[in-house]
Amino acid sequence: MTSELKPGDDAPLFILPSSDGKKVDLTSYRGKRHVILYFYPKDDTPGCTKEACAFRDSFAELKKAKAVILGVSLDSLASHQKFVEKYTLPFLLLSDTDAAVSKAYGVYKLKNMYGRKFWGIERSTFLIDPKGKVTHLFRRVKVDAHLDEVLSALKELKRV
């Protein structure tokens, strides 16, 4: 079992297939952009749709802050592509079908819903700076206020 990530830690590296059919290597953003790496349970479900659309609606503002958004779930590429098309998402969704990256970030958890236990993603976001360090962690994210938390964290980083 890996220890919990904390601010200042190196972000676990990965290469994952994305909704545009290419592979995304986290190191390709080094020295260039902040990465908003958000993990979500399932494509096209109410909370996940609301979260993705909030990032979509603030895409220009996040891009201006030199941030790229990457969404990660256990869903297939076909599912991601449908989700992107349905909601016109302007950012990439990454497919972590074996949960290796979700485990590396400590978000693959035993969940309990209506008495049924299962393994899945705990909604979480990691803000990674251009040096590849985790600067902010948001665990057990509540969708409604989350975008404001991410924007505040990015503004805080600009002041530092």
N, C-alpha and C. Protein backbone atom coordinates (compact mmCIF):
# COMPACT_ATOMS: atom_id res chain seq x y z
N MET A 1 0.86 -1.19 0.00
CA MET A 1 0.00 0.00 0.00
C MET A 1 0.89 1.24 0.00
N THR A 2 0.60 2.17 -0.89
CA THR A 2 1.40 3.39 -0.95
C THR A 2 0.91 4.37 0.11
N SER A 3 1.83 5.24 0.53
CA SER A 3 1.45 6.25 1.52
C SER A 3 0.68 7.37 0.82
N GLU A 4 -0.10 8.09 1.60
CA GLU A 4 -0.90 9.18 1.04
C GLU A 4 -0.01 10.28 0.47
N LEU A 5 -0.39 10.78 -0.69
CA LEU A 5 0.30 11.93 -1.27
C LEU A 5 0.00 13.16 -0.43
N LYS A 6 0.96 14.07 -0.40
CA LYS A 6 0.77 15.33 0.30
C LYS A 6 1.41 16.45 -0.50
N PRO A 7 1.06 17.70 -0.21
CA PRO A 7 1.67 18.81 -0.93
C PRO A 7 3.19 18.76 -0.84
N GLY A 8 3.84 19.00 -1.97
CA GLY A 8 5.29 18.95 -2.04
C GLY A 8 5.82 17.64 -2.59
N ASP A 9 4.98 16.59 -2.59
CA ASP A 9 5.40 15.30 -3.16
C ASP A 9 5.48 15.39 -4.68
N ASP A 10 6.34 14.56 -5.26
CA ASP A 10 6.35 14.41 -6.71
C ASP A 10 5.06 13.72 -7.13
N ALA A 11 4.43 14.23 -8.17
CA ALA A 11 3.22 13.59 -8.70
C ALA A 11 3.62 12.27 -9.35
N PRO A 12 2.93 11.18 -9.03
CA PRO A 12 3.24 9.91 -9.69
C PRO A 12 3.10 10.05 -11.21
N LEU A 13 4.10 9.58 -11.92
CA LEU A 13 4.11 9.70 -13.38
C LEU A 13 3.22 8.63 -14.00
N PHE A 14 2.72 8.94 -15.18
CA PHE A 14 1.89 7.97 -15.90
C PHE A 14 1.85 8.31 -17.37
N ILE A 15 1.47 7.31 -18.14
CA ILE A 15 1.11 7.47 -19.55
C ILE A 15 -0.20 6.71 -19.71
N LEU A 16 -1.26 7.41 -20.13
CA LEU A 16 -2.57 6.79 -20.27
C LEU A 16 -3.19 7.14 -21.63
N PRO A 17 -4.01 6.25 -22.16
CA PRO A 17 -4.74 6.58 -23.39
C PRO A 17 -5.82 7.62 -23.10
N SER A 18 -6.04 8.49 -24.09
CA SER A 18 -6.99 9.59 -23.86
C SER A 18 -8.13 9.58 -24.88
N SER A 19 -9.11 10.40 -24.58
CA SER A 19 -10.33 10.49 -25.39
C SER A 19 -10.07 10.96 -26.82
N ASP A 20 -8.90 11.52 -27.10
CA ASP A 20 -8.60 11.92 -28.49
C ASP A 20 -7.84 10.83 -29.24
N GLY A 21 -7.70 9.66 -28.62
CA GLY A 21 -7.06 8.53 -29.29
C GLY A 21 -5.55 8.49 -29.14
N LYS A 22 -4.97 9.50 -28.47
CA LYS A 22 -3.52 9.53 -28.27
C LYS A 22 -3.21 9.18 -26.82
N LYS A 23 -1.94 8.96 -26.56
CA LYS A 23 -1.52 8.70 -25.18
C LYS A 23 -1.06 10.02 -24.54
N VAL A 24 -1.38 10.17 -23.27
CA VAL A 24 -0.97 11.37 -22.52
C VAL A 24 0.09 10.95 -21.52
N ASP A 25 1.23 11.65 -21.59
CA ASP A 25 2.35 11.43 -20.68
C ASP A 25 2.40 12.66 -19.76
N LEU A 26 2.25 12.44 -18.46
CA LEU A 26 2.24 13.56 -17.52
C LEU A 26 3.50 14.43 -17.66
N THR A 27 4.64 13.82 -17.99
CA THR A 27 5.88 14.59 -18.09
C THR A 27 5.85 15.60 -19.23
N SER A 28 4.94 15.44 -20.20
CA SER A 28 4.89 16.39 -21.33
C SER A 28 4.45 17.79 -20.90
N TYR A 29 3.93 17.92 -19.68
CA TYR A 29 3.50 19.24 -19.19
C TYR A 29 4.57 19.90 -18.32
N ARG A 30 5.65 19.19 -18.05
CA ARG A 30 6.72 19.73 -17.20
C ARG A 30 7.27 21.02 -17.80
N GLY A 31 7.45 21.99 -16.93
CA GLY A 31 8.04 23.26 -17.35
C GLY A 31 7.09 24.14 -18.14
N LYS A 32 5.85 23.67 -18.35
CA LYS A 32 4.93 24.41 -19.22
C LYS A 32 3.65 24.85 -18.51
N ARG A 33 3.00 23.92 -17.83
CA ARG A 33 1.66 24.19 -17.32
C ARG A 33 1.41 23.55 -15.97
N HIS A 34 0.43 24.10 -15.27
CA HIS A 34 -0.13 23.43 -14.10
C HIS A 34 -1.06 22.36 -14.65
N VAL A 35 -1.17 21.26 -13.95
CA VAL A 35 -2.09 20.20 -14.35
C VAL A 35 -3.16 20.06 -13.27
N ILE A 36 -4.41 20.16 -13.69
CA ILE A 36 -5.54 19.86 -12.81
C ILE A 36 -5.91 18.43 -13.15
N LEU A 37 -5.50 17.51 -12.31
CA LEU A 37 -5.74 16.09 -12.54
C LEU A 37 -6.91 15.68 -11.65
N TYR A 38 -8.05 15.46 -12.28
CA TYR A 38 -9.21 15.12 -11.45
C TYR A 38 -9.68 13.70 -11.74
N PHE A 39 -9.92 12.98 -10.68
CA PHE A 39 -10.39 11.60 -10.74
C PHE A 39 -11.88 11.60 -10.42
N TYR A 40 -12.64 10.90 -11.22
CA TYR A 40 -14.09 10.86 -11.02
C TYR A 40 -14.60 9.43 -11.23
N PRO A 41 -15.72 9.08 -10.59
CA PRO A 41 -16.19 7.70 -10.62
C PRO A 41 -16.66 7.15 -11.96
N LYS A 42 -17.49 7.91 -12.72
CA LYS A 42 -18.11 7.30 -13.89
C LYS A 42 -18.60 8.34 -14.88
N ASP A 43 -18.33 8.11 -16.17
CA ASP A 43 -18.83 8.97 -17.23
C ASP A 43 -20.35 9.06 -17.20
N ASP A 44 -20.85 10.24 -17.54
CA ASP A 44 -22.27 10.47 -17.79
C ASP A 44 -23.19 10.10 -16.62
N THR A 45 -22.70 10.30 -15.41
CA THR A 45 -23.54 10.18 -14.22
C THR A 45 -23.76 11.60 -13.69
N PRO A 46 -24.78 11.84 -12.88
CA PRO A 46 -25.12 13.22 -12.51
C PRO A 46 -23.97 14.04 -11.91
N GLY A 47 -23.31 13.53 -10.87
CA GLY A 47 -22.23 14.30 -10.24
C GLY A 47 -21.04 14.48 -11.15
N CYS A 48 -20.69 13.45 -11.88
CA CYS A 48 -19.52 13.52 -12.77
C CYS A 48 -19.79 14.45 -13.95
N THR A 49 -21.02 14.46 -14.43
CA THR A 49 -21.38 15.37 -15.51
C THR A 49 -21.32 16.81 -15.02
N LYS A 50 -21.85 17.05 -13.84
CA LYS A 50 -21.84 18.41 -13.28
C LYS A 50 -20.40 18.91 -13.09
N GLU A 51 -19.52 18.03 -12.60
CA GLU A 51 -18.12 18.40 -12.40
C GLU A 51 -17.44 18.69 -13.73
N ALA A 52 -17.61 17.81 -14.71
CA ALA A 52 -16.98 18.00 -16.02
C ALA A 52 -17.48 19.28 -16.69
N CYS A 53 -18.78 19.54 -16.59
CA CYS A 53 -19.33 20.75 -17.21
C CYS A 53 -18.86 22.02 -16.51
N ALA A 54 -18.62 21.95 -15.20
CA ALA A 54 -18.06 23.11 -14.49
C ALA A 54 -16.66 23.42 -15.01
N PHE A 55 -15.84 22.38 -15.19
CA PHE A 55 -14.50 22.59 -15.76
C PHE A 55 -14.62 23.11 -17.19
N ARG A 56 -15.55 22.56 -17.95
CA ARG A 56 -15.78 23.02 -19.33
C ARG A 56 -16.13 24.50 -19.35
N ASP A 57 -17.05 24.89 -18.50
CA ASP A 57 -17.54 26.27 -18.50
C ASP A 57 -16.48 27.27 -18.04
N SER A 58 -15.46 26.81 -17.34
CA SER A 58 -14.37 27.68 -16.89
C SER A 58 -13.08 27.40 -17.65
N PHE A 59 -13.19 26.70 -18.76
CA PHE A 59 -12.01 26.28 -19.51
C PHE A 59 -11.12 27.46 -19.90
N ALA A 60 -11.71 28.53 -20.41
CA ALA A 60 -10.92 29.69 -20.86
C ALA A 60 -10.15 30.31 -19.69
N GLU A 61 -10.82 30.43 -18.55
CA GLU A 61 -10.18 31.01 -17.36
C GLU A 61 -9.03 30.11 -16.87
N LEU A 62 -9.24 28.81 -16.90
CA LEU A 62 -8.20 27.87 -16.46
C LEU A 62 -7.02 27.87 -17.44
N LYS A 63 -7.32 27.96 -18.71
CA LYS A 63 -6.27 28.00 -19.73
C LYS A 63 -5.44 29.27 -19.57
N LYS A 64 -6.11 30.39 -19.27
CA LYS A 64 -5.41 31.66 -19.06
C LYS A 64 -4.46 31.56 -17.86
N ALA A 65 -4.83 30.73 -16.89
CA ALA A 65 -4.00 30.52 -15.70
C ALA A 65 -2.89 29.48 -15.97
N LYS A 66 -2.71 29.16 -17.25
CA LYS A 66 -1.69 28.18 -17.67
C LYS A 66 -1.91 26.81 -17.03
N ALA A 67 -3.18 26.41 -17.00
CA ALA A 67 -3.52 25.10 -16.44
C ALA A 67 -4.18 24.24 -17.51
N VAL A 68 -3.86 22.97 -17.48
CA VAL A 68 -4.50 21.99 -18.34
C VAL A 68 -5.34 21.08 -17.45
N ILE A 69 -6.48 20.65 -17.96
CA ILE A 69 -7.39 19.78 -17.20
C ILE A 69 -7.30 18.38 -17.78
N LEU A 70 -7.11 17.41 -16.92
CA LEU A 70 -7.14 16.00 -17.32
C LEU A 70 -8.08 15.26 -16.38
N GLY A 71 -9.11 14.64 -16.94
CA GLY A 71 -10.03 13.85 -16.14
C GLY A 71 -9.67 12.38 -16.25
N VAL A 72 -9.73 11.66 -15.14
CA VAL A 72 -9.37 10.25 -15.12
C VAL A 72 -10.50 9.44 -14.48
N SER A 73 -10.88 8.35 -15.16
CA SER A 73 -11.81 7.39 -14.58
C SER A 73 -11.44 6.00 -15.09
N LEU A 74 -12.16 5.01 -14.61
CA LEU A 74 -11.92 3.63 -15.02
C LEU A 74 -12.65 3.28 -16.31
N ASP A 75 -13.39 4.24 -16.86
CA ASP A 75 -14.18 3.99 -18.06
C ASP A 75 -13.32 3.74 -19.29
N SER A 76 -13.92 3.09 -20.29
CA SER A 76 -13.23 2.79 -21.54
C SER A 76 -13.07 4.06 -22.39
N LEU A 77 -12.22 3.98 -23.39
CA LEU A 77 -12.05 5.12 -24.31
C LEU A 77 -13.35 5.41 -25.05
N ALA A 78 -14.08 4.36 -25.44
CA ALA A 78 -15.35 4.57 -26.15
C ALA A 78 -16.33 5.36 -25.27
N SER A 79 -16.40 5.02 -23.99
CA SER A 79 -17.26 5.74 -23.05
C SER A 79 -16.81 7.19 -22.94
N HIS A 80 -15.51 7.41 -22.81
CA HIS A 80 -14.97 8.77 -22.71
C HIS A 80 -15.32 9.59 -23.95
N GLN A 81 -15.15 8.98 -25.12
CA GLN A 81 -15.42 9.72 -26.36
C GLN A 81 -16.88 10.14 -26.44
N LYS A 82 -17.80 9.27 -26.04
CA LYS A 82 -19.23 9.62 -26.02
C LYS A 82 -19.50 10.76 -25.04
N PHE A 83 -18.88 10.69 -23.87
CA PHE A 83 -19.05 11.70 -22.83
C PHE A 83 -18.54 13.07 -23.32
N VAL A 84 -17.37 13.07 -23.93
CA VAL A 84 -16.78 14.30 -24.47
C VAL A 84 -17.69 14.90 -25.53
N GLU A 85 -18.18 14.07 -26.44
CA GLU A 85 -19.04 14.57 -27.52
C GLU A 85 -20.37 15.08 -26.98
N LYS A 86 -20.98 14.34 -26.08
CA LYS A 86 -22.30 14.70 -25.56
C LYS A 86 -22.28 16.06 -24.87
N TYR A 87 -21.20 16.36 -24.13
CA TYR A 87 -21.13 17.60 -23.36
C TYR A 87 -20.12 18.61 -23.89
N THR A 88 -19.58 18.36 -25.08
CA THR A 88 -18.60 19.24 -25.72
C THR A 88 -17.48 19.61 -24.75
N LEU A 89 -16.85 18.60 -24.19
CA LEU A 89 -15.78 18.85 -23.22
C LEU A 89 -14.50 19.20 -23.98
N PRO A 90 -13.88 20.34 -23.67
CA PRO A 90 -12.69 20.79 -24.40
C PRO A 90 -11.37 20.29 -23.81
N PHE A 91 -11.44 19.28 -22.97
CA PHE A 91 -10.22 18.75 -22.34
C PHE A 91 -10.25 17.23 -22.47
N LEU A 92 -9.11 16.62 -22.18
CA LEU A 92 -8.97 15.18 -22.35
C LEU A 92 -9.44 14.39 -21.14
N LEU A 93 -10.03 13.25 -21.43
CA LEU A 93 -10.38 12.27 -20.41
C LEU A 93 -9.46 11.07 -20.61
N LEU A 94 -8.90 10.59 -19.52
CA LEU A 94 -7.93 9.50 -19.59
C LEU A 94 -8.55 8.21 -19.05
N SER A 95 -8.23 7.12 -19.70
CA SER A 95 -8.80 5.83 -19.36
C SER A 95 -7.80 5.01 -18.53
N ASP A 96 -8.17 4.79 -17.28
CA ASP A 96 -7.34 4.04 -16.32
C ASP A 96 -8.04 2.71 -16.01
N THR A 97 -8.22 1.88 -17.03
CA THR A 97 -9.05 0.69 -16.89
C THR A 97 -8.52 -0.32 -15.88
N ASP A 98 -7.21 -0.34 -15.66
CA ASP A 98 -6.66 -1.29 -14.67
C ASP A 98 -6.47 -0.65 -13.30
N ALA A 99 -6.86 0.61 -13.16
CA ALA A 99 -6.80 1.37 -11.91
C ALA A 99 -5.38 1.61 -11.39
N ALA A 100 -4.38 1.38 -12.20
CA ALA A 100 -2.98 1.55 -11.75
C ALA A 100 -2.69 3.00 -11.35
N VAL A 101 -3.13 3.95 -12.13
CA VAL A 101 -2.87 5.36 -11.82
C VAL A 101 -3.74 5.79 -10.63
N SER A 102 -4.97 5.35 -10.60
CA SER A 102 -5.86 5.66 -9.48
C SER A 102 -5.27 5.14 -8.17
N LYS A 103 -4.67 3.97 -8.22
CA LYS A 103 -4.02 3.40 -7.03
C LYS A 103 -2.80 4.23 -6.65
N ALA A 104 -2.00 4.64 -7.65
CA ALA A 104 -0.79 5.42 -7.38
C ALA A 104 -1.14 6.75 -6.70
N TYR A 105 -2.29 7.31 -7.02
CA TYR A 105 -2.72 8.57 -6.42
C TYR A 105 -3.57 8.36 -5.16
N GLY A 106 -3.80 7.11 -4.81
CA GLY A 106 -4.52 6.80 -3.57
C GLY A 106 -6.01 7.09 -3.62
N VAL A 107 -6.61 7.05 -4.82
CA VAL A 107 -8.03 7.35 -4.94
C VAL A 107 -8.89 6.12 -5.24
N TYR A 108 -8.26 4.96 -5.42
CA TYR A 108 -9.00 3.72 -5.66
C TYR A 108 -9.31 3.13 -4.30
N LYS A 109 -10.58 3.18 -3.93
CA LYS A 109 -10.98 2.85 -2.56
C LYS A 109 -12.14 1.86 -2.54
N LEU A 110 -12.25 1.17 -1.41
CA LEU A 110 -13.42 0.33 -1.18
C LEU A 110 -14.56 1.26 -0.79
N LYS A 111 -15.63 1.22 -1.58
CA LYS A 111 -16.78 2.11 -1.35
C LYS A 111 -17.97 1.28 -0.89
N ASN A 112 -18.92 1.96 -0.30
CA ASN A 112 -20.12 1.29 0.19
C ASN A 112 -21.33 2.13 -0.21
N MET A 113 -22.17 1.56 -1.07
CA MET A 113 -23.36 2.29 -1.50
C MET A 113 -24.58 1.40 -1.32
N TYR A 114 -25.50 1.86 -0.51
CA TYR A 114 -26.73 1.11 -0.24
C TYR A 114 -26.42 -0.31 0.24
N GLY A 115 -25.38 -0.43 1.08
CA GLY A 115 -25.01 -1.72 1.65
C GLY A 115 -24.18 -2.61 0.73
N ARG A 116 -23.93 -2.16 -0.48
CA ARG A 116 -23.13 -2.93 -1.43
C ARG A 116 -21.71 -2.39 -1.43
N LYS A 117 -20.73 -3.26 -1.20
CA LYS A 117 -19.33 -2.84 -1.20
C LYS A 117 -18.71 -3.12 -2.57
N PHE A 118 -17.91 -2.17 -3.02
CA PHE A 118 -17.24 -2.32 -4.32
C PHE A 118 -16.03 -1.39 -4.37
N TRP A 119 -15.10 -1.71 -5.25
CA TRP A 119 -13.92 -0.86 -5.45
C TRP A 119 -14.22 0.16 -6.54
N GLY A 120 -13.81 1.40 -6.28
CA GLY A 120 -14.02 2.45 -7.27
C GLY A 120 -13.22 3.69 -6.91
N ILE A 121 -13.40 4.70 -7.71
CA ILE A 121 -12.67 5.96 -7.53
C ILE A 121 -13.40 6.87 -6.55
N GLU A 122 -12.62 7.39 -5.59
CA GLU A 122 -13.12 8.43 -4.70
C GLU A 122 -12.83 9.76 -5.39
N ARG A 123 -13.86 10.55 -5.63
CA ARG A 123 -13.72 11.81 -6.36
C ARG A 123 -12.65 12.68 -5.71
N SER A 124 -11.59 12.96 -6.45
CA SER A 124 -10.44 13.69 -5.91
C SER A 124 -9.78 14.50 -7.03
N THR A 125 -9.13 15.60 -6.65
CA THR A 125 -8.40 16.42 -7.61
C THR A 125 -7.03 16.74 -7.04
N PHE A 126 -6.05 16.73 -7.94
CA PHE A 126 -4.66 17.05 -7.59
C PHE A 126 -4.23 18.20 -8.49
N LEU A 127 -3.69 19.23 -7.88
CA LEU A 127 -3.11 20.33 -8.64
C LEU A 127 -1.61 20.09 -8.64
N ILE A 128 -1.04 20.00 -9.85
CA ILE A 128 0.37 19.68 -10.02
C ILE A 128 1.04 20.87 -10.70
N ASP A 129 2.15 21.33 -10.13
CA ASP A 129 2.80 22.50 -10.71
C ASP A 129 3.70 22.11 -11.89
N PRO A 130 4.24 23.10 -12.62
CA PRO A 130 5.07 22.78 -13.79
C PRO A 130 6.35 22.00 -13.46
N LYS A 131 6.73 21.95 -12.19
CA LYS A 131 7.90 21.16 -11.79
C LYS A 131 7.53 19.70 -11.52
N GLY A 132 6.24 19.40 -11.58
CA GLY A 132 5.80 18.02 -11.33
C GLY A 132 5.50 17.72 -9.87
N LYS A 133 5.37 18.78 -9.06
CA LYS A 133 5.07 18.61 -7.63
C LYS A 133 3.57 18.81 -7.38
N VAL A 134 3.04 18.01 -6.48
CA VAL A 134 1.65 18.19 -6.06
C VAL A 134 1.61 19.42 -5.15
N THR A 135 0.78 20.40 -5.50
CA THR A 135 0.69 21.60 -4.66
C THR A 135 -0.58 21.60 -3.82
N HIS A 136 -1.65 21.04 -4.35
CA HIS A 136 -2.93 20.99 -3.64
C HIS A 136 -3.60 19.65 -3.89
N LEU A 137 -4.26 19.14 -2.85
CA LEU A 137 -5.05 17.91 -2.96
C LEU A 137 -6.45 18.21 -2.48
N PHE A 138 -7.40 17.73 -3.21
CA PHE A 138 -8.80 17.86 -2.83
C PHE A 138 -9.36 16.44 -2.80
N ARG A 139 -9.63 15.95 -1.62
CA ARG A 139 -10.14 14.58 -1.45
C ARG A 139 -11.63 14.62 -1.16
N ARG A 140 -12.31 13.55 -1.54
CA ARG A 140 -13.75 13.44 -1.29
C ARG A 140 -14.47 14.72 -1.71
N VAL A 141 -14.21 15.11 -2.94
CA VAL A 141 -14.69 16.37 -3.50
C VAL A 141 -16.23 16.44 -3.49
N LYS A 142 -16.71 17.60 -3.08
CA LYS A 142 -18.13 17.95 -3.21
C LYS A 142 -18.21 18.82 -4.46
N VAL A 143 -18.95 18.37 -5.45
CA VAL A 143 -18.95 18.98 -6.78
C VAL A 143 -19.34 20.46 -6.76
N ASP A 144 -20.35 20.83 -5.98
CA ASP A 144 -20.88 22.19 -6.06
C ASP A 144 -19.85 23.30 -5.85
N ALA A 145 -18.97 23.16 -4.90
CA ALA A 145 -18.01 24.24 -4.59
C ALA A 145 -16.61 23.96 -5.14
N HIS A 146 -16.47 22.86 -5.84
CA HIS A 146 -15.12 22.41 -6.19
C HIS A 146 -14.39 23.33 -7.17
N LEU A 147 -15.06 23.79 -8.19
CA LEU A 147 -14.39 24.65 -9.17
C LEU A 147 -13.82 25.89 -8.49
N ASP A 148 -14.56 26.48 -7.56
CA ASP A 148 -14.07 27.65 -6.84
C ASP A 148 -12.82 27.32 -6.03
N GLU A 149 -12.78 26.12 -5.44
CA GLU A 149 -11.58 25.69 -4.70
C GLU A 149 -10.37 25.61 -5.62
N VAL A 150 -10.56 25.04 -6.80
CA VAL A 150 -9.46 24.89 -7.76
C VAL A 150 -8.99 26.26 -8.24
N LEU A 151 -9.94 27.14 -8.57
CA LEU A 151 -9.57 28.49 -9.02
C LEU A 151 -8.82 29.26 -7.94
N SER A 152 -9.25 29.13 -6.70
CA SER A 152 -8.56 29.79 -5.58
C SER A 152 -7.14 29.25 -5.43
N ALA A 153 -6.98 27.96 -5.56
CA ALA A 153 -5.64 27.35 -5.45
C ALA A 153 -4.73 27.86 -6.56
N LEU A 154 -5.24 27.97 -7.77
CA LEU A 154 -4.43 28.49 -8.88
C LEU A 154 -4.04 29.95 -8.64
N LYS A 155 -4.97 30.75 -8.14
CA LYS A 155 -4.67 32.16 -7.83
C LYS A 155 -3.62 32.25 -6.75
N GLU A 156 -3.71 31.39 -5.76
CA GLU A 156 -2.73 31.35 -4.67
C GLU A 156 -1.34 31.05 -5.23
N LEU A 157 -1.26 30.13 -6.18
CA LEU A 157 0.03 29.78 -6.77
C LEU A 157 0.63 30.93 -7.58
N LYS A 158 -0.21 31.72 -8.19
CA LYS A 158 0.28 32.87 -8.97
C LYS A 158 0.89 33.93 -8.04
N ARG A 159 0.37 34.01 -6.81
CA ARG A 159 0.87 35.00 -5.86
C ARG A 159 2.22 34.57 -5.24
N VAL A 160 2.46 33.28 -5.23
CA VAL A 160 3.67 32.77 -4.57
C VAL A 160 4.90 33.06 -5.39
